[in-house]
Amino acid sequence: MNLENVFNNNEKWIKEKLEVDSNYFEELGKGQSPELLYIGCSDSRVTAEELMGLGPGDVFVHRNIANMVISIDLNVMSVINYAVDHLKVKHVVVCGHYACGGVKAAMQSADLGILNPWLRNIRDVYRLHKKELSNIEDEEKRYDRLVELNVQEQCVNLIKTATVQKAFRDRGLKVHGWVFDVHTGKLIDLKIDFEGILKNIMEIYHLD
């Protein structure tokens, strides 16, 4: 990749935006008020705004390997706090994708060094759903199902947080689980039962 092309592309993008709206960047500089927090994978094939048909200012984005929501990860927890408490987003989406390298790596027995503690969280998802996953003979379908289950469990992790619970009580914040199919380009809504999950875990994870 010739990095000069990046700057050339940037100039073209600026020109295109100004041709449509001469005040575009002036308005952009006034601040942000996105209604959606998107927590996705760092995979280079999965671009948050583009796959949703959105643009700058429309979505607050956090990306990491395999779209994880880990309670001791200050990065993702800070993003959630800022987006929910300060930007007042109305929706939080965890979006995984098929053919996820992080999920596939977690299913291998190899020692991956510094990645081991991160991938262990995905292995924990496998452990929780071992019976279902072990009954899927086709390896690729098993990978795909683990991608879906991982999204589901990360949504559960979101619902465990005080920030999300309080925003749900006070203003009806919603949590969603999606999967992006890299083979077709389609976004798939897993229809996570936010209120049902919250009700089931409240005895243990309820935070005033």
Protein backbone atom coordinates (compact mmCIF):
# COMPACT_ATOMS: atom_id res chain seq x y z
CA MET A 1 0.00 0.00 0.00
CA ASN A 2 1.28 3.43 -0.96
CA LEU A 3 0.42 5.66 2.01
CA GLU A 4 0.44 8.74 -0.25
CA ASN A 5 -2.78 7.36 -1.71
CA VAL A 6 -4.39 7.67 1.70
CA PHE A 7 -3.81 11.42 1.75
CA ASN A 8 -4.92 11.74 -1.88
CA ASN A 9 -8.09 9.86 -1.01
CA ASN A 10 -8.61 12.16 1.95
CA GLU A 11 -8.43 15.22 -0.30
CA LYS A 12 -10.96 13.67 -2.67
CA TRP A 13 -13.25 12.85 0.23
CA ILE A 14 -13.09 16.44 1.54
CA LYS A 15 -13.91 17.78 -1.90
CA GLU A 16 -16.86 15.43 -2.32
CA LYS A 17 -18.29 16.35 1.07
CA LEU A 18 -17.97 20.08 0.44
CA GLU A 19 -19.59 19.78 -2.98
CA VAL A 20 -22.68 18.36 -1.31
CA ASP A 21 -22.63 20.64 1.75
CA SER A 22 -20.25 23.58 2.03
CA ASN A 23 -20.82 23.68 5.81
CA TYR A 24 -20.21 19.96 6.34
CA PHE A 25 -17.02 20.22 8.39
CA GLU A 26 -18.17 23.32 10.22
CA GLU A 27 -21.19 21.35 11.45
CA LEU A 28 -19.07 18.28 12.17
CA GLY A 29 -16.83 20.35 14.43
CA LYS A 30 -19.71 21.45 16.64
CA GLY A 31 -19.90 18.09 18.46
CA GLN A 32 -21.45 14.66 18.30
CA SER A 33 -24.77 13.18 19.35
CA PRO A 34 -24.84 9.59 18.06
CA GLU A 35 -27.74 7.37 19.08
CA LEU A 36 -25.80 4.14 18.65
CA LEU A 37 -22.76 2.59 20.35
CA TYR A 38 -21.23 -0.13 18.17
CA ILE A 39 -18.85 -2.67 19.73
CA GLY A 40 -17.29 -4.70 16.94
CA CYS A 41 -14.26 -6.67 15.85
CA SER A 42 -10.98 -5.12 14.74
CA ASP A 43 -11.04 -7.26 11.57
CA SER A 44 -10.13 -5.08 8.58
CA ARG A 45 -13.04 -6.46 6.54
CA VAL A 46 -15.68 -5.21 8.96
CA THR A 47 -16.07 -1.43 8.79
CA ALA A 48 -18.71 -0.25 11.22
CA GLU A 49 -20.20 2.84 9.58
CA GLU A 50 -19.92 1.56 6.01
CA LEU A 51 -21.75 -1.73 6.55
CA MET A 52 -24.60 0.16 8.26
CA GLY A 53 -24.75 2.87 5.62
CA LEU A 54 -23.90 5.53 8.22
CA GLY A 55 -21.34 8.30 8.32
CA PRO A 56 -19.30 10.53 10.65
CA GLY A 57 -21.28 11.56 13.72
CA ASP A 58 -23.84 8.76 13.43
CA VAL A 59 -22.25 6.04 15.56
CA PHE A 60 -19.79 5.82 18.46
CA VAL A 61 -17.43 2.92 17.74
CA HIS A 62 -15.27 0.59 19.78
CA ARG A 63 -13.42 -2.31 18.16
CA ASN A 64 -11.24 -5.06 19.56
CA ILE A 65 -10.31 -8.65 18.73
CA ALA A 66 -13.55 -10.69 18.56
CA ASN A 67 -15.80 -7.87 19.82
CA MET A 68 -15.31 -8.64 23.50
CA VAL A 69 -16.91 -6.90 26.49
CA ILE A 70 -14.60 -7.79 29.38
CA SER A 71 -15.28 -6.22 32.77
CA ILE A 72 -11.61 -5.58 33.60
CA ASP A 73 -10.83 -4.04 30.19
CA LEU A 74 -10.72 -0.34 31.03
CA ASN A 75 -10.81 0.55 27.34
CA VAL A 76 -14.19 -0.98 26.55
CA MET A 77 -15.62 -0.06 29.97
CA SER A 78 -14.61 3.59 29.47
CA VAL A 79 -16.20 3.62 26.03
CA ILE A 80 -19.45 2.17 27.40
CA ASN A 81 -19.51 4.67 30.25
CA TYR A 82 -18.87 7.65 28.00
CA ALA A 83 -21.32 6.59 25.30
CA VAL A 84 -24.14 5.66 27.69
CA ASP A 85 -23.74 8.21 30.50
CA HIS A 86 -22.47 11.22 28.57
CA LEU A 87 -23.52 10.83 24.93
CA LYS A 88 -26.81 9.23 26.02
CA VAL A 89 -26.91 6.70 23.19
CA LYS A 90 -30.23 4.88 22.83
CA HIS A 91 -28.85 1.59 21.53
CA VAL A 92 -25.75 -0.51 22.21
CA VAL A 93 -24.84 -3.11 19.59
CA VAL A 94 -22.35 -5.95 19.89
CA CYS A 95 -21.54 -7.03 16.33
CA GLY A 96 -19.53 -10.15 15.57
CA HIS A 97 -18.79 -11.60 12.15
CA TYR A 98 -18.47 -14.99 10.53
CA ALA A 99 -14.93 -16.14 9.68
CA CYS A 100 -13.64 -14.33 12.77
CA GLY A 101 -9.94 -15.06 13.26
CA GLY A 102 -10.14 -14.46 17.01
CA VAL A 103 -12.93 -16.98 17.47
CA LYS A 104 -11.15 -19.51 15.28
CA ALA A 105 -7.90 -19.03 17.20
CA ALA A 106 -9.72 -19.60 20.49
CA MET A 107 -10.88 -22.99 19.24
CA GLN A 108 -7.31 -24.13 18.65
CA SER A 109 -5.05 -25.65 21.31
CA ALA A 110 -1.98 -23.62 20.27
CA ASP A 111 -0.08 -21.38 22.69
CA LEU A 112 -0.54 -17.88 21.26
CA GLY A 113 1.46 -15.99 23.86
CA ILE A 114 0.07 -12.58 24.84
CA LEU A 115 -3.21 -13.45 23.10
CA ASN A 116 -3.88 -16.34 25.50
CA PRO A 117 -5.60 -14.35 28.30
CA TRP A 118 -7.76 -12.48 25.77
CA LEU A 119 -8.78 -15.61 23.88
CA ARG A 120 -9.51 -17.42 27.12
CA ASN A 121 -12.67 -15.32 27.39
CA ILE A 122 -13.87 -16.83 24.11
CA ARG A 123 -12.89 -20.30 25.32
CA ASP A 124 -15.08 -19.64 28.35
CA VAL A 125 -17.98 -19.03 25.96
CA TYR A 126 -17.21 -22.39 24.34
CA ARG A 127 -17.18 -24.04 27.78
CA LEU A 128 -20.59 -22.56 28.64
CA HIS A 129 -22.07 -23.92 25.40
CA LYS A 130 -19.92 -27.02 24.97
CA LYS A 131 -22.84 -29.44 24.68
CA GLU A 132 -24.47 -27.54 21.81
CA LEU A 133 -21.21 -26.86 19.99
CA SER A 134 -19.90 -30.42 20.33
CA ASN A 135 -23.02 -31.69 18.58
CA ILE A 136 -22.23 -29.64 15.45
CA GLU A 137 -20.15 -31.93 13.25
CA ASP A 138 -19.32 -29.46 10.48
CA GLU A 139 -16.33 -27.44 11.71
CA GLU A 140 -17.22 -24.24 9.83
CA LYS A 141 -20.78 -24.32 11.13
CA ARG A 142 -19.39 -24.83 14.62
CA TYR A 143 -17.21 -21.72 14.15
CA ASP A 144 -20.22 -19.74 12.96
CA ARG A 145 -22.31 -20.83 15.91
CA LEU A 146 -19.56 -19.89 18.35
CA VAL A 147 -19.43 -16.45 16.72
CA GLU A 148 -23.15 -16.07 17.45
CA LEU A 149 -22.87 -17.40 21.00
CA ASN A 150 -19.93 -15.11 21.67
CA VAL A 151 -22.02 -12.10 20.61
CA GLN A 152 -24.78 -13.32 22.91
CA GLU A 153 -22.43 -13.66 25.89
CA GLN A 154 -20.88 -10.24 25.29
CA CYS A 155 -24.39 -8.79 25.34
CA VAL A 156 -24.89 -10.53 28.70
CA ASN A 157 -21.64 -8.95 29.89
CA LEU A 158 -23.00 -5.55 28.86
CA ILE A 159 -26.22 -6.15 30.73
CA LYS A 160 -24.24 -7.01 33.88
CA THR A 161 -22.83 -3.47 34.07
CA ALA A 162 -24.30 -0.80 36.32
CA THR A 163 -24.06 1.74 33.51
CA VAL A 164 -26.33 -0.25 31.19
CA GLN A 165 -28.75 -1.32 33.94
CA LYS A 166 -29.22 2.27 35.10
CA ALA A 167 -29.74 3.59 31.56
CA PHE A 168 -32.28 0.84 30.91
CA ARG A 169 -34.24 1.78 34.04
CA ASP A 170 -34.01 5.53 33.53
CA ARG A 171 -34.49 5.92 29.78
CA GLY A 172 -35.05 2.55 28.10
CA LEU A 173 -31.59 1.86 26.67
CA LYS A 174 -31.58 -1.21 24.39
CA VAL A 175 -28.86 -3.82 23.83
CA HIS A 176 -28.63 -5.69 20.51
CA GLY A 177 -26.56 -8.58 19.19
CA TRP A 178 -25.74 -8.70 15.48
CA VAL A 179 -23.54 -10.76 13.20
CA PHE A 180 -22.06 -9.54 9.92
CA ASP A 181 -21.83 -12.23 7.23
CA VAL A 182 -18.61 -11.46 5.35
CA HIS A 183 -19.67 -13.89 2.62
CA THR A 184 -22.88 -12.05 1.72
CA GLY A 185 -22.51 -8.59 3.28
CA LYS A 186 -25.70 -9.06 5.32
CA LEU A 187 -26.23 -7.90 8.88
CA ILE A 188 -28.07 -10.50 10.94
CA ASP A 189 -30.03 -9.50 14.04
CA LEU A 190 -29.72 -12.31 16.61
CA LYS A 191 -32.74 -10.80 18.41
CA ILE A 192 -31.14 -10.90 21.84
CA ASP A 193 -33.83 -10.94 24.56
CA PHE A 194 -32.42 -8.00 26.51
CA GLU A 195 -35.18 -7.78 29.10
CA GLY A 196 -35.38 -11.56 29.48
CA ILE A 197 -31.63 -11.84 30.10
CA LEU A 198 -31.75 -8.94 32.55
CA LYS A 199 -34.59 -10.59 34.46
CA ASN A 200 -32.78 -13.94 34.63
CA ILE A 201 -29.50 -12.50 35.94
CA MET A 202 -30.88 -9.82 38.25
CA GLU A 203 -30.61 -11.98 41.38
CA ILE A 204 -26.84 -12.13 40.98
CA TYR A 205 -25.91 -9.10 38.89
CA HIS A 206 -28.47 -6.48 39.95
CA LEU A 207 -26.71 -3.20 40.73
CA ASP A 208 -28.59 -0.25 42.27
